[in-house]
Amino acid sequence: MHIDIDKDVCIGAGQCALAAPGVFTQDDDGYSTLIPGREDGAGDPMVREAARACPVSAITVTEAAG
């Protein structure tokens, strides 16, 4: 799984961190970021829900090739 956060779109609502706190967090400015070592989603079933919960659709989740 590949997770991409569009930093130009993110408004820092924090819905991703609430939905999948084991994968997403917020940086010092309040914007979404991935927890180091969890860039592949770490098997968390809530990653896609976190992407859906984003009010500005800043998160894209795709399946890794291969």
N, C-alpha and C. Protein backbone atom coordinates (compact mmCIF):
# COMPACT_ATOMS: atom_id res chain seq x y z
N MET A 1 0.84 -1.16 0.00
CA MET A 1 0.00 0.00 0.00
C MET A 1 0.90 1.24 0.00
N HIS A 2 0.50 2.23 -0.77
CA HIS A 2 1.23 3.50 -0.81
C HIS A 2 0.28 4.60 -0.37
N ILE A 3 0.72 5.44 0.55
CA ILE A 3 -0.09 6.55 1.06
C ILE A 3 0.59 7.85 0.67
N ASP A 4 -0.16 8.74 0.06
CA ASP A 4 0.36 10.05 -0.33
C ASP A 4 -0.49 11.13 0.32
N ILE A 5 0.16 12.09 0.95
CA ILE A 5 -0.53 13.23 1.54
C ILE A 5 -0.13 14.47 0.75
N ASP A 6 -1.11 15.14 0.15
CA ASP A 6 -0.84 16.36 -0.60
C ASP A 6 -0.75 17.51 0.40
N LYS A 7 0.47 17.91 0.71
CA LYS A 7 0.71 18.94 1.72
C LYS A 7 0.15 20.30 1.29
N ASP A 8 -0.03 20.51 -0.02
CA ASP A 8 -0.59 21.76 -0.50
C ASP A 8 -2.10 21.83 -0.31
N VAL A 9 -2.73 20.68 -0.12
CA VAL A 9 -4.18 20.60 0.04
C VAL A 9 -4.58 20.45 1.50
N CYS A 10 -3.77 19.77 2.29
CA CYS A 10 -4.09 19.49 3.69
C CYS A 10 -4.37 20.78 4.46
N ILE A 11 -5.46 20.77 5.25
CA ILE A 11 -5.82 21.93 6.06
C ILE A 11 -5.62 21.65 7.56
N GLY A 12 -5.15 20.46 7.89
CA GLY A 12 -4.88 20.15 9.29
C GLY A 12 -6.12 19.82 10.12
N ALA A 13 -7.15 19.27 9.49
CA ALA A 13 -8.37 18.93 10.22
C ALA A 13 -8.14 17.81 11.22
N GLY A 14 -7.17 16.93 10.95
CA GLY A 14 -6.83 15.87 11.89
C GLY A 14 -7.70 14.64 11.85
N GLN A 15 -8.60 14.55 10.89
CA GLN A 15 -9.48 13.39 10.81
C GLN A 15 -8.72 12.10 10.54
N CYS A 16 -7.63 12.20 9.79
CA CYS A 16 -6.82 11.02 9.50
C CYS A 16 -6.18 10.48 10.78
N ALA A 17 -5.65 11.37 11.59
CA ALA A 17 -5.01 10.95 12.84
C ALA A 17 -6.02 10.37 13.82
N LEU A 18 -7.25 10.82 13.76
CA LEU A 18 -8.30 10.25 14.61
C LEU A 18 -8.72 8.87 14.11
N ALA A 19 -8.80 8.72 12.80
CA ALA A 19 -9.26 7.45 12.22
C ALA A 19 -8.19 6.36 12.27
N ALA A 20 -6.93 6.72 12.04
CA ALA A 20 -5.84 5.73 12.01
C ALA A 20 -4.62 6.29 12.75
N PRO A 21 -4.72 6.40 14.06
CA PRO A 21 -3.62 7.00 14.83
C PRO A 21 -2.32 6.21 14.82
N GLY A 22 -2.36 4.97 14.38
CA GLY A 22 -1.14 4.18 14.28
C GLY A 22 -0.36 4.45 13.01
N VAL A 23 -0.94 5.25 12.11
CA VAL A 23 -0.29 5.54 10.82
C VAL A 23 -0.10 7.05 10.62
N PHE A 24 -1.11 7.83 11.00
CA PHE A 24 -1.07 9.27 10.78
C PHE A 24 -0.87 10.03 12.09
N THR A 25 -0.20 11.16 11.97
CA THR A 25 -0.07 12.08 13.08
C THR A 25 -0.09 13.48 12.49
N GLN A 26 0.08 14.49 13.33
CA GLN A 26 0.15 15.86 12.83
C GLN A 26 1.49 16.45 13.20
N ASP A 27 2.05 17.23 12.26
CA ASP A 27 3.36 17.84 12.51
C ASP A 27 3.21 19.05 13.43
N ASP A 28 4.28 19.75 13.66
CA ASP A 28 4.27 20.89 14.58
C ASP A 28 3.33 22.01 14.14
N ASP A 29 3.04 22.06 12.84
CA ASP A 29 2.12 23.07 12.32
C ASP A 29 0.68 22.57 12.24
N GLY A 30 0.45 21.32 12.63
CA GLY A 30 -0.89 20.77 12.64
C GLY A 30 -1.30 20.04 11.38
N TYR A 31 -0.39 19.89 10.43
CA TYR A 31 -0.72 19.22 9.18
C TYR A 31 -0.42 17.73 9.26
N SER A 32 -1.13 16.97 8.46
CA SER A 32 -1.01 15.52 8.46
C SER A 32 0.37 15.07 8.00
N THR A 33 0.85 14.04 8.65
CA THR A 33 2.10 13.40 8.26
C THR A 33 2.03 11.93 8.65
N LEU A 34 2.85 11.12 8.02
CA LEU A 34 2.88 9.70 8.33
C LEU A 34 3.88 9.44 9.45
N ILE A 35 3.54 8.53 10.33
CA ILE A 35 4.44 8.15 11.40
C ILE A 35 5.62 7.40 10.78
N PRO A 36 6.85 7.77 11.13
CA PRO A 36 8.01 7.08 10.57
C PRO A 36 7.91 5.56 10.76
N GLY A 37 8.19 4.84 9.68
CA GLY A 37 8.09 3.39 9.70
C GLY A 37 6.71 2.86 9.36
N ARG A 38 5.75 3.76 9.20
CA ARG A 38 4.37 3.36 8.89
C ARG A 38 3.93 3.85 7.52
N GLU A 39 4.89 4.21 6.69
CA GLU A 39 4.58 4.78 5.38
C GLU A 39 3.80 3.84 4.48
N ASP A 40 3.83 2.54 4.78
CA ASP A 40 3.11 1.56 3.96
C ASP A 40 1.75 1.22 4.57
N GLY A 41 1.36 1.93 5.61
CA GLY A 41 0.06 1.68 6.25
C GLY A 41 0.13 0.68 7.37
N ALA A 42 1.22 -0.05 7.48
CA ALA A 42 1.45 -1.01 8.57
C ALA A 42 0.29 -2.00 8.75
N GLY A 43 -0.39 -2.29 7.66
CA GLY A 43 -1.48 -3.25 7.72
C GLY A 43 -2.72 -2.74 8.45
N ASP A 44 -2.76 -1.45 8.75
CA ASP A 44 -3.90 -0.88 9.48
C ASP A 44 -5.13 -0.82 8.58
N PRO A 45 -6.21 -1.49 8.95
CA PRO A 45 -7.40 -1.51 8.11
C PRO A 45 -8.12 -0.15 8.06
N MET A 46 -7.73 0.77 8.91
CA MET A 46 -8.41 2.08 8.96
C MET A 46 -7.76 3.13 8.05
N VAL A 47 -6.70 2.76 7.34
CA VAL A 47 -6.02 3.74 6.48
C VAL A 47 -6.97 4.27 5.42
N ARG A 48 -7.70 3.41 4.76
CA ARG A 48 -8.63 3.87 3.71
C ARG A 48 -9.75 4.71 4.31
N GLU A 49 -10.20 4.38 5.49
CA GLU A 49 -11.22 5.19 6.16
C GLU A 49 -10.66 6.57 6.49
N ALA A 50 -9.39 6.62 6.89
CA ALA A 50 -8.75 7.90 7.18
C ALA A 50 -8.72 8.77 5.92
N ALA A 51 -8.41 8.17 4.78
CA ALA A 51 -8.40 8.91 3.52
C ALA A 51 -9.80 9.42 3.18
N ARG A 52 -10.80 8.58 3.39
CA ARG A 52 -12.19 9.00 3.12
C ARG A 52 -12.63 10.11 4.06
N ALA A 53 -12.12 10.10 5.29
CA ALA A 53 -12.53 11.09 6.29
C ALA A 53 -11.94 12.47 6.05
N CYS A 54 -10.90 12.55 5.22
CA CYS A 54 -10.26 13.84 4.97
C CYS A 54 -11.24 14.78 4.27
N PRO A 55 -11.54 15.92 4.88
CA PRO A 55 -12.55 16.82 4.29
C PRO A 55 -12.11 17.49 2.99
N VAL A 56 -10.82 17.47 2.68
CA VAL A 56 -10.33 18.08 1.44
C VAL A 56 -9.68 17.08 0.50
N SER A 57 -9.84 15.79 0.80
CA SER A 57 -9.30 14.71 -0.03
C SER A 57 -7.80 14.85 -0.30
N ALA A 58 -7.05 15.17 0.75
CA ALA A 58 -5.61 15.35 0.61
C ALA A 58 -4.84 14.04 0.65
N ILE A 59 -5.52 12.93 1.00
CA ILE A 59 -4.84 11.65 1.16
C ILE A 59 -5.26 10.70 0.04
N THR A 60 -4.27 10.11 -0.61
CA THR A 60 -4.51 9.11 -1.64
C THR A 60 -3.87 7.80 -1.20
N VAL A 61 -4.64 6.72 -1.28
CA VAL A 61 -4.15 5.40 -0.92
C VAL A 61 -4.22 4.52 -2.17
N THR A 62 -3.09 3.95 -2.55
CA THR A 62 -3.04 3.05 -3.70
C THR A 62 -2.34 1.75 -3.30
N GLU A 63 -2.63 0.72 -4.04
CA GLU A 63 -1.96 -0.56 -3.78
C GLU A 63 -0.57 -0.51 -4.40
N ALA A 64 0.39 -1.02 -3.67
CA ALA A 64 1.76 -1.06 -4.17
C ALA A 64 1.86 -2.05 -5.32
N ALA A 65 2.61 -1.69 -6.32
CA ALA A 65 2.80 -2.59 -7.46
C ALA A 65 3.71 -3.74 -7.08
N GLY A 66 3.41 -4.88 -7.67
CA GLY A 66 4.32 -5.98 -7.53
C GLY A 66 4.01 -7.02 -6.57
